[in-house]
Amino acid sequence: MRKIIHIDMDSFFASVEQRDFPQYRGKPVAVGHRGPRSVVAAASYEARKYGVHSAMPMTAALRKCPELIVMPHRFEVYKKVSASIRDIFYEYTELVEPLSLDEAYLDVTHPKKGPPSASLIAMEIKNEIRNRENLVASAGVSFNKFLAKIASDMDKPDGFYLIKPEEAEQFLEELEIKKFFGVGEKTAQKMHRLNIFKGRDLKALPRYRLVSNFGKAGNYFYDVVRGIDNRPVVSYQESKSIGAERTYDTDLYELEQVEARLSEVMDIMWRRCEAKKKFGKTATLKLRFSDFSTITRSKSQQDPFVYQEMKEVVRELLPVQRIQQQGVRLLGVTMSNFPVEKKKPASRQIEIDFESGAE
């Protein structure tokens, strides 16, 4: 049985700002900017008391909390702090799977140092983060990734929660369905219409009914409500796509203006491809219109795109008439379908686990 820890930094961006600017400690802070199209990237716990949360439009956040302190993004600082925290993880195990700058899974079944107890290791890591970075993290511990992630959210902020194997079944049966990892707002609403409010309600439905209502996710829900999650902690995942996107403060209606902004986004994306020395065979254009409707258009070819070729193909994907009628608020470009490097076959047979699901 594996020992999995999920570490989640508490209000990471906002906490870094409060750490670096002591005058804002204990006050409501949001990271973002005051533009009409800005959204809250992170909110301090003081701001959350007013109902401010991440992904909320900044205008709505300021209505809820007029005294809200809005701090600009400092992504380079957040990345540096995240790398330092990740170094702490690697002191205990090489099996670290980052999900974002502020959270990661750790498999400490066979730790490099520290006690054999995953709970004690999690507490040590929390203390190290506090001592070295003056930041607070929450930790969840269990025997698989699904349960560890749920556990880390049970006792925030500065939380610790352990779900033992013998406790998992009852814990999941009592858990509100909206707290299941993978159940978003729309899925929760659909489950409520099906009279699914807690884990026990979900568990009562046969697999075929869950699949008929939720597609492939139905298999995932059937397993995790029973505490089944065989996904390993993956220490490195190859990027499947490289992209860039920008949101604009005013809608773009003129085609020339859209093409100029699109060219800037394509250049950002291409520089990222060059940095990683990866060039794909599929180019995808993403547009979000003034009414918030979003479309994507793609084109693939047999060989990886070169720069000028990519720019011409992406421009051809622009829906000219719809742009002029509705206006564009967001432009994005993505490169994917990278060539697969051929490797020499191993000298021994490799067993592949076909049962590992995806989130």
Protein backbone atom coordinates (compact mmCIF):
# COMPACT_ATOMS: atom_id res chain seq x y z
CA MET A 1 0.00 0.00 0.00
CA ARG A 2 1.35 3.41 -1.01
CA LYS A 3 1.83 6.44 1.22
CA ILE A 4 0.78 9.59 -0.63
CA ILE A 5 0.98 13.20 0.52
CA HIS A 6 -0.73 16.12 -1.19
CA ILE A 7 0.75 19.51 -0.29
CA ASP A 8 -1.31 22.61 -1.08
CA MET A 9 0.03 26.09 -0.34
CA ASP A 10 -2.59 28.24 1.36
CA SER A 11 -3.61 31.23 -0.79
CA PHE A 12 -0.15 31.06 -2.35
CA PHE A 13 0.17 34.25 -4.44
CA ALA A 14 -1.59 36.42 -1.85
CA SER A 15 0.43 34.89 0.99
CA VAL A 16 3.70 35.69 -0.81
CA GLU A 17 2.55 39.31 -1.17
CA GLN A 18 1.66 39.54 2.52
CA ARG A 19 4.98 37.98 3.44
CA ASP A 20 6.98 40.42 1.32
CA PHE A 21 4.88 43.46 2.27
CA PRO A 22 4.27 43.20 6.04
CA GLN A 23 1.97 46.25 6.02
CA TYR A 24 -0.64 44.10 4.26
CA ARG A 25 -0.61 41.22 6.75
CA GLY A 26 -4.00 40.64 8.32
CA LYS A 27 -5.69 42.71 5.59
CA PRO A 28 -7.81 41.62 2.59
CA VAL A 29 -5.47 41.17 -0.38
CA ALA A 30 -6.13 40.01 -3.95
CA VAL A 31 -3.60 39.42 -6.70
CA GLY A 32 -4.53 40.82 -10.11
CA HIS A 33 -5.18 44.32 -11.42
CA ARG A 34 -8.06 46.77 -11.47
CA GLY A 35 -8.84 46.58 -15.19
CA PRO A 36 -12.45 45.84 -16.25
CA ARG A 37 -11.44 42.42 -17.56
CA SER A 38 -9.21 41.41 -14.64
CA VAL A 39 -9.99 38.39 -12.50
CA VAL A 40 -8.74 37.50 -9.03
CA ALA A 41 -5.71 35.21 -9.30
CA ALA A 42 -5.59 34.62 -5.54
CA ALA A 43 -7.32 36.00 -2.46
CA SER A 44 -6.02 36.11 1.11
CA TYR A 45 -8.10 34.46 3.80
CA GLU A 46 -9.01 37.92 5.09
CA ALA A 47 -10.49 38.70 1.65
CA ARG A 48 -12.32 35.36 1.51
CA LYS A 49 -14.34 36.38 4.57
CA TYR A 50 -16.00 38.96 2.29
CA GLY A 51 -16.78 36.33 -0.35
CA VAL A 52 -13.80 37.14 -2.57
CA HIS A 53 -12.28 34.10 -4.28
CA SER A 54 -9.98 33.21 -7.15
CA ALA A 55 -11.36 33.44 -10.71
CA MET A 56 -13.90 36.08 -9.58
CA PRO A 57 -14.04 39.24 -11.73
CA MET A 58 -12.07 41.92 -9.95
CA THR A 59 -14.95 44.37 -10.29
CA ALA A 60 -17.18 41.96 -8.33
CA ALA A 61 -14.46 41.45 -5.72
CA LEU A 62 -14.17 45.20 -5.16
CA ARG A 63 -17.94 45.48 -4.76
CA LYS A 64 -17.86 42.78 -2.08
CA CYS A 65 -14.84 44.29 -0.36
CA PRO A 66 -14.26 47.99 -1.20
CA GLU A 67 -11.14 48.08 1.01
CA LEU A 68 -9.58 45.19 -0.94
CA ILE A 69 -5.85 45.68 -1.56
CA VAL A 70 -5.13 44.71 -5.18
CA MET A 71 -1.55 43.64 -5.81
CA PRO A 72 -0.06 43.15 -9.29
CA HIS A 73 1.19 39.73 -10.41
CA ARG A 74 4.83 38.88 -9.67
CA PHE A 75 5.02 35.52 -11.39
CA GLU A 76 8.81 35.35 -11.40
CA VAL A 77 8.77 35.67 -7.60
CA TYR A 78 6.08 32.98 -7.28
CA LYS A 79 8.07 30.64 -9.54
CA LYS A 80 11.22 31.15 -7.47
CA VAL A 81 9.39 30.44 -4.21
CA SER A 82 7.69 27.41 -5.75
CA ALA A 83 11.06 26.01 -6.87
CA SER A 84 12.44 26.44 -3.34
CA ILE A 85 9.47 24.58 -1.87
CA ARG A 86 9.86 21.84 -4.44
CA ASP A 87 13.47 21.42 -3.36
CA ILE A 88 12.14 20.58 0.10
CA PHE A 89 9.94 17.86 -1.41
CA TYR A 90 12.90 16.30 -3.22
CA GLU A 91 14.78 15.99 0.06
CA TYR A 92 12.22 13.35 1.05
CA THR A 93 11.41 11.63 -2.26
CA GLU A 94 12.15 11.70 -5.97
CA LEU A 95 8.50 10.87 -6.68
CA VAL A 96 7.11 14.41 -6.81
CA GLU A 97 4.28 15.32 -9.19
CA PRO A 98 3.66 19.09 -9.33
CA LEU A 99 0.12 20.06 -10.32
CA SER A 100 0.82 23.80 -10.35
CA LEU A 101 3.10 26.30 -8.63
CA ASP A 102 1.30 25.80 -5.34
CA GLU A 103 0.48 22.09 -5.06
CA ALA A 104 2.04 18.69 -5.61
CA TYR A 105 1.71 14.98 -4.87
CA LEU A 106 4.52 13.12 -3.11
CA ASP A 107 4.91 9.36 -2.86
CA VAL A 108 6.77 8.68 0.40
CA THR A 109 6.26 4.92 0.51
CA HIS A 110 10.05 4.63 0.58
CA PRO A 111 11.31 8.05 1.79
CA LYS A 112 14.88 9.20 1.30
CA LYS A 113 14.98 10.54 4.86
CA GLY A 114 12.80 11.13 7.86
CA PRO A 115 10.47 8.79 9.72
CA PRO A 116 8.64 5.91 8.00
CA SER A 117 5.33 7.60 8.82
CA ALA A 118 3.79 9.66 5.98
CA SER A 119 1.96 11.77 8.55
CA LEU A 120 5.18 12.71 10.34
CA ILE A 121 6.91 13.47 7.03
CA ALA A 122 4.01 15.72 6.02
CA MET A 123 4.33 17.63 9.29
CA GLU A 124 8.09 17.95 8.80
CA ILE A 125 7.56 19.35 5.30
CA LYS A 126 5.01 21.86 6.58
CA ASN A 127 7.49 23.00 9.22
CA GLU A 128 10.34 23.27 6.69
CA ILE A 129 8.18 25.41 4.39
CA ARG A 130 7.32 27.68 7.31
CA ASN A 131 10.92 27.95 8.50
CA ARG A 132 12.55 28.48 5.10
CA GLU A 133 9.91 30.47 3.23
CA ASN A 134 7.74 31.89 6.03
CA LEU A 135 4.67 30.48 4.28
CA VAL A 136 1.88 28.14 5.34
CA ALA A 137 0.88 24.89 3.63
CA SER A 138 -1.87 22.35 4.18
CA ALA A 139 -1.22 18.62 3.84
CA GLY A 140 -3.40 15.62 3.14
CA VAL A 141 -2.20 12.06 3.65
CA SER A 142 -3.72 8.79 2.46
CA PHE A 143 -3.04 5.66 0.43
CA ASN A 144 -3.91 7.13 -3.00
CA LYS A 145 -3.88 10.45 -4.85
CA PHE A 146 -7.64 11.03 -4.85
CA LEU A 147 -7.98 10.71 -1.08
CA ALA A 148 -4.79 12.67 -0.34
CA LYS A 149 -6.02 15.63 -2.40
CA ILE A 150 -9.40 15.65 -0.69
CA ALA A 151 -7.68 15.39 2.70
CA SER A 152 -5.51 18.46 2.08
CA ASP A 153 -8.64 20.59 1.68
CA MET A 154 -10.37 19.38 4.84
CA ASP A 155 -8.64 21.52 7.45
CA LYS A 156 -7.45 24.72 5.73
CA PRO A 157 -5.57 26.93 6.35
CA ASP A 158 -2.44 25.43 7.91
CA GLY A 159 -4.24 22.11 7.85
CA PHE A 160 -3.35 18.48 8.23
CA TYR A 161 -5.74 15.60 7.60
CA LEU A 162 -5.15 11.84 7.45
CA ILE A 163 -7.50 9.33 5.84
CA LYS A 164 -6.56 5.82 6.94
CA PRO A 165 -7.41 2.79 4.78
CA GLU A 166 -9.89 1.47 7.33
CA GLU A 167 -11.62 4.88 7.48
CA ALA A 168 -11.85 5.59 3.76
CA GLU A 169 -15.15 3.85 3.02
CA GLN A 170 -17.16 5.63 5.71
CA PHE A 171 -15.39 8.95 5.02
CA LEU A 172 -16.36 8.83 1.33
CA GLU A 173 -19.94 7.79 2.04
CA GLU A 174 -20.42 10.84 4.27
CA LEU A 175 -18.58 13.29 1.98
CA GLU A 176 -20.65 15.91 0.16
CA ILE A 177 -20.52 15.29 -3.56
CA LYS A 178 -19.26 18.81 -4.37
CA LYS A 179 -16.12 18.02 -2.34
CA PHE A 180 -15.17 15.10 -4.59
CA PHE A 181 -12.13 16.04 -6.65
CA GLY A 182 -13.27 16.19 -10.28
CA VAL A 183 -16.82 17.32 -9.49
CA GLY A 184 -17.17 20.91 -10.64
CA GLU A 185 -20.17 23.19 -10.25
CA LYS A 186 -22.00 21.96 -13.35
CA THR A 187 -21.37 18.29 -12.56
CA ALA A 188 -22.54 18.83 -8.99
CA GLN A 189 -25.77 20.41 -10.26
CA LYS A 190 -26.35 17.45 -12.57
CA MET A 191 -25.69 15.01 -9.72
CA HIS A 192 -28.14 16.87 -7.50
CA ARG A 193 -30.80 16.48 -10.20
CA LEU A 194 -30.11 12.75 -10.00
CA ASN A 195 -30.53 12.88 -6.20
CA ILE A 196 -26.80 12.42 -5.63
CA PHE A 197 -25.81 14.61 -2.68
CA LYS A 198 -23.28 12.52 -0.78
CA GLY A 199 -20.86 9.73 -1.50
CA ARG A 200 -23.34 7.09 -0.39
CA ASP A 201 -25.79 8.29 -3.08
CA LEU A 202 -23.10 8.05 -5.73
CA LYS A 203 -22.03 4.63 -4.51
CA ALA A 204 -25.61 3.31 -4.82
CA LEU A 205 -25.62 3.76 -8.60
CA PRO A 206 -24.32 0.95 -10.85
CA ARG A 207 -21.41 1.64 -13.17
CA TYR A 208 -23.54 1.58 -16.34
CA ARG A 209 -25.80 4.35 -15.03
CA LEU A 210 -22.87 6.55 -14.12
CA VAL A 211 -21.32 6.02 -17.56
CA SER A 212 -24.63 6.75 -19.31
CA ASN A 213 -24.96 10.04 -17.41
CA PHE A 214 -21.33 11.18 -17.22
CA GLY A 215 -19.51 9.37 -20.03
CA LYS A 216 -15.96 8.24 -19.29
CA ALA A 217 -16.01 10.19 -16.03
CA GLY A 218 -18.65 7.72 -14.83
CA ASN A 219 -16.00 5.01 -14.52
CA TYR A 220 -13.84 7.40 -12.51
CA PHE A 221 -16.70 8.27 -10.13
CA TYR A 222 -17.60 4.59 -9.70
CA ASP A 223 -14.04 3.76 -8.62
CA VAL A 224 -13.10 6.73 -6.45
CA VAL A 225 -16.25 6.61 -4.33
CA ARG A 226 -15.02 3.14 -3.37
CA GLY A 227 -11.55 4.47 -2.59
CA ILE A 228 -10.05 2.99 -5.77
CA ASP A 229 -7.39 5.13 -7.46
CA ASN A 230 -4.40 3.27 -8.88
CA ARG A 231 -2.74 6.27 -10.54
CA PRO A 232 0.95 6.48 -9.61
CA VAL A 233 2.69 9.68 -8.65
CA VAL A 234 4.39 10.69 -11.91
CA SER A 235 7.59 12.61 -11.31
CA TYR A 236 7.75 14.08 -14.82
CA GLN A 237 5.12 14.61 -17.48
CA GLU A 238 6.01 15.66 -20.99
CA SER A 239 4.13 18.75 -22.18
CA LYS A 240 1.48 17.78 -24.71
CA SER A 241 1.07 21.35 -25.93
CA ILE A 242 2.73 24.76 -25.83
CA GLY A 243 0.66 27.89 -26.10
CA ALA A 244 -0.02 31.49 -25.20
CA GLU A 245 -3.14 33.60 -24.82
CA ARG A 246 -4.06 37.17 -23.97
CA THR A 247 -7.25 38.83 -22.71
CA TYR A 248 -7.92 42.43 -23.80
CA ASP A 249 -9.48 45.27 -21.81
CA THR A 250 -11.60 46.37 -24.77
CA ASP A 251 -13.18 44.15 -27.42
CA LEU A 252 -11.43 43.95 -30.79
CA TYR A 253 -13.70 44.38 -33.82
CA GLU A 254 -11.30 45.48 -36.57
CA LEU A 255 -9.68 42.61 -38.45
CA GLU A 256 -6.36 44.44 -38.77
CA GLN A 257 -6.30 45.01 -35.02
CA VAL A 258 -7.08 41.34 -34.34
CA GLU A 259 -4.36 40.19 -36.74
CA ALA A 260 -1.80 42.49 -35.09
CA ARG A 261 -2.65 41.22 -31.60
CA LEU A 262 -2.73 37.65 -32.85
CA SER A 263 0.75 38.05 -34.32
CA GLU A 264 2.02 39.12 -30.88
CA VAL A 265 0.46 36.04 -29.24
CA MET A 266 1.91 33.77 -31.92
CA ASP A 267 5.38 35.22 -31.35
CA ILE A 268 5.12 34.53 -27.60
CA MET A 269 4.02 30.96 -28.27
CA TRP A 270 6.80 30.41 -30.82
CA ARG A 271 9.49 31.66 -28.43
CA ARG A 272 8.25 29.11 -25.90
CA CYS A 273 8.48 26.39 -28.54
CA GLU A 274 12.03 27.45 -29.36
CA ALA A 275 12.98 27.45 -25.68
CA LYS A 276 11.81 23.84 -25.36
CA LYS A 277 12.99 22.91 -28.90
CA LYS A 278 9.59 21.41 -29.63
CA PHE A 279 7.58 22.14 -32.76
CA GLY A 280 4.23 20.51 -33.38
CA LYS A 281 2.24 19.31 -36.37
CA THR A 282 -1.03 20.83 -35.14
CA ALA A 283 -1.73 24.55 -34.69
CA THR A 284 -4.84 25.64 -32.77
CA LEU A 285 -6.47 29.05 -32.64
CA LYS A 286 -8.64 29.99 -29.64
CA LEU A 287 -11.02 32.94 -29.61
CA ARG A 288 -13.36 34.21 -26.91
CA PHE A 289 -15.97 36.69 -28.08
CA SER A 290 -17.58 39.61 -26.25
CA ASP A 291 -20.48 37.37 -25.13
CA PHE A 292 -17.93 34.97 -23.52
CA SER A 293 -18.61 32.23 -26.08
CA THR A 294 -15.37 30.45 -27.02
CA ILE A 295 -14.31 28.55 -30.12
CA THR A 296 -11.17 26.68 -31.16
CA ARG A 297 -10.04 25.88 -34.69
CA SER A 298 -7.14 23.61 -35.58
CA LYS A 299 -5.15 22.54 -38.60
CA SER A 300 -2.70 19.64 -38.78
CA GLN A 301 -0.09 18.59 -41.29
CA GLN A 302 2.35 15.75 -41.78
CA ASP A 303 5.49 17.63 -40.71
CA PRO A 304 6.09 20.11 -37.85
CA PHE A 305 5.28 23.72 -38.66
CA VAL A 306 7.97 26.28 -39.35
CA TYR A 307 7.48 29.84 -38.13
CA GLN A 308 6.07 31.62 -41.19
CA GLU A 309 3.98 28.62 -42.14
CA MET A 310 2.42 28.54 -38.69
CA LYS A 311 1.54 32.24 -38.80
CA GLU A 312 -0.14 31.93 -42.18
CA VAL A 313 -2.14 28.87 -41.18
CA VAL A 314 -3.37 30.40 -37.92
CA ARG A 315 -4.46 33.61 -39.68
CA GLU A 316 -6.48 31.51 -42.12
CA LEU A 317 -8.38 30.05 -39.17
CA LEU A 318 -9.79 33.47 -38.16
CA PRO A 319 -13.62 33.65 -38.42
CA VAL A 320 -13.62 37.09 -40.04
CA GLN A 321 -17.37 37.73 -40.16
CA ARG A 322 -17.99 36.66 -36.58
CA ILE A 323 -15.11 38.82 -35.33
CA GLN A 324 -16.60 41.90 -36.96
CA GLN A 325 -20.07 41.13 -35.61
CA GLN A 326 -19.24 40.12 -32.05
CA GLY A 327 -15.80 41.42 -31.19
CA VAL A 328 -12.95 39.47 -29.59
CA ARG A 329 -11.92 39.65 -25.92
CA LEU A 330 -9.33 36.81 -25.89
CA LEU A 331 -6.88 35.37 -28.42
CA GLY A 332 -4.86 32.20 -27.93
CA VAL A 333 -2.59 29.96 -30.00
CA THR A 334 -1.38 26.46 -29.18
CA MET A 335 1.11 24.10 -30.78
CA SER A 336 0.63 20.37 -30.22
CA ASN A 337 1.04 16.94 -31.82
CA PHE A 338 4.80 16.90 -31.34
CA PRO A 339 6.86 14.25 -33.17
CA VAL A 340 7.52 11.21 -31.02
CA GLU A 341 11.17 10.31 -30.59
CA LYS A 342 11.77 6.69 -31.47
CA LYS A 343 13.53 4.74 -28.76
CA LYS A 344 15.30 1.43 -28.98
CA PRO A 345 13.17 -1.41 -27.62
CA ALA A 346 14.05 -2.57 -24.14
CA SER A 347 15.77 -5.89 -23.75
CA ARG A 348 13.02 -7.13 -21.46
CA GLN A 349 9.27 -7.07 -21.72
CA ILE A 350 7.62 -4.05 -20.11
CA GLU A 351 4.34 -4.40 -18.27
CA ILE A 352 1.89 -1.59 -18.94
CA ASP A 353 -0.88 -0.75 -16.49
CA PHE A 354 -3.93 -0.14 -18.66
CA GLU A 355 -6.12 0.41 -15.63
CA SER A 356 -4.62 3.74 -14.57
CA GLY A 357 -7.30 6.37 -15.05
CA ALA A 358 -7.02 10.09 -15.75
CA GLU A 359 -8.47 12.94 -13.79
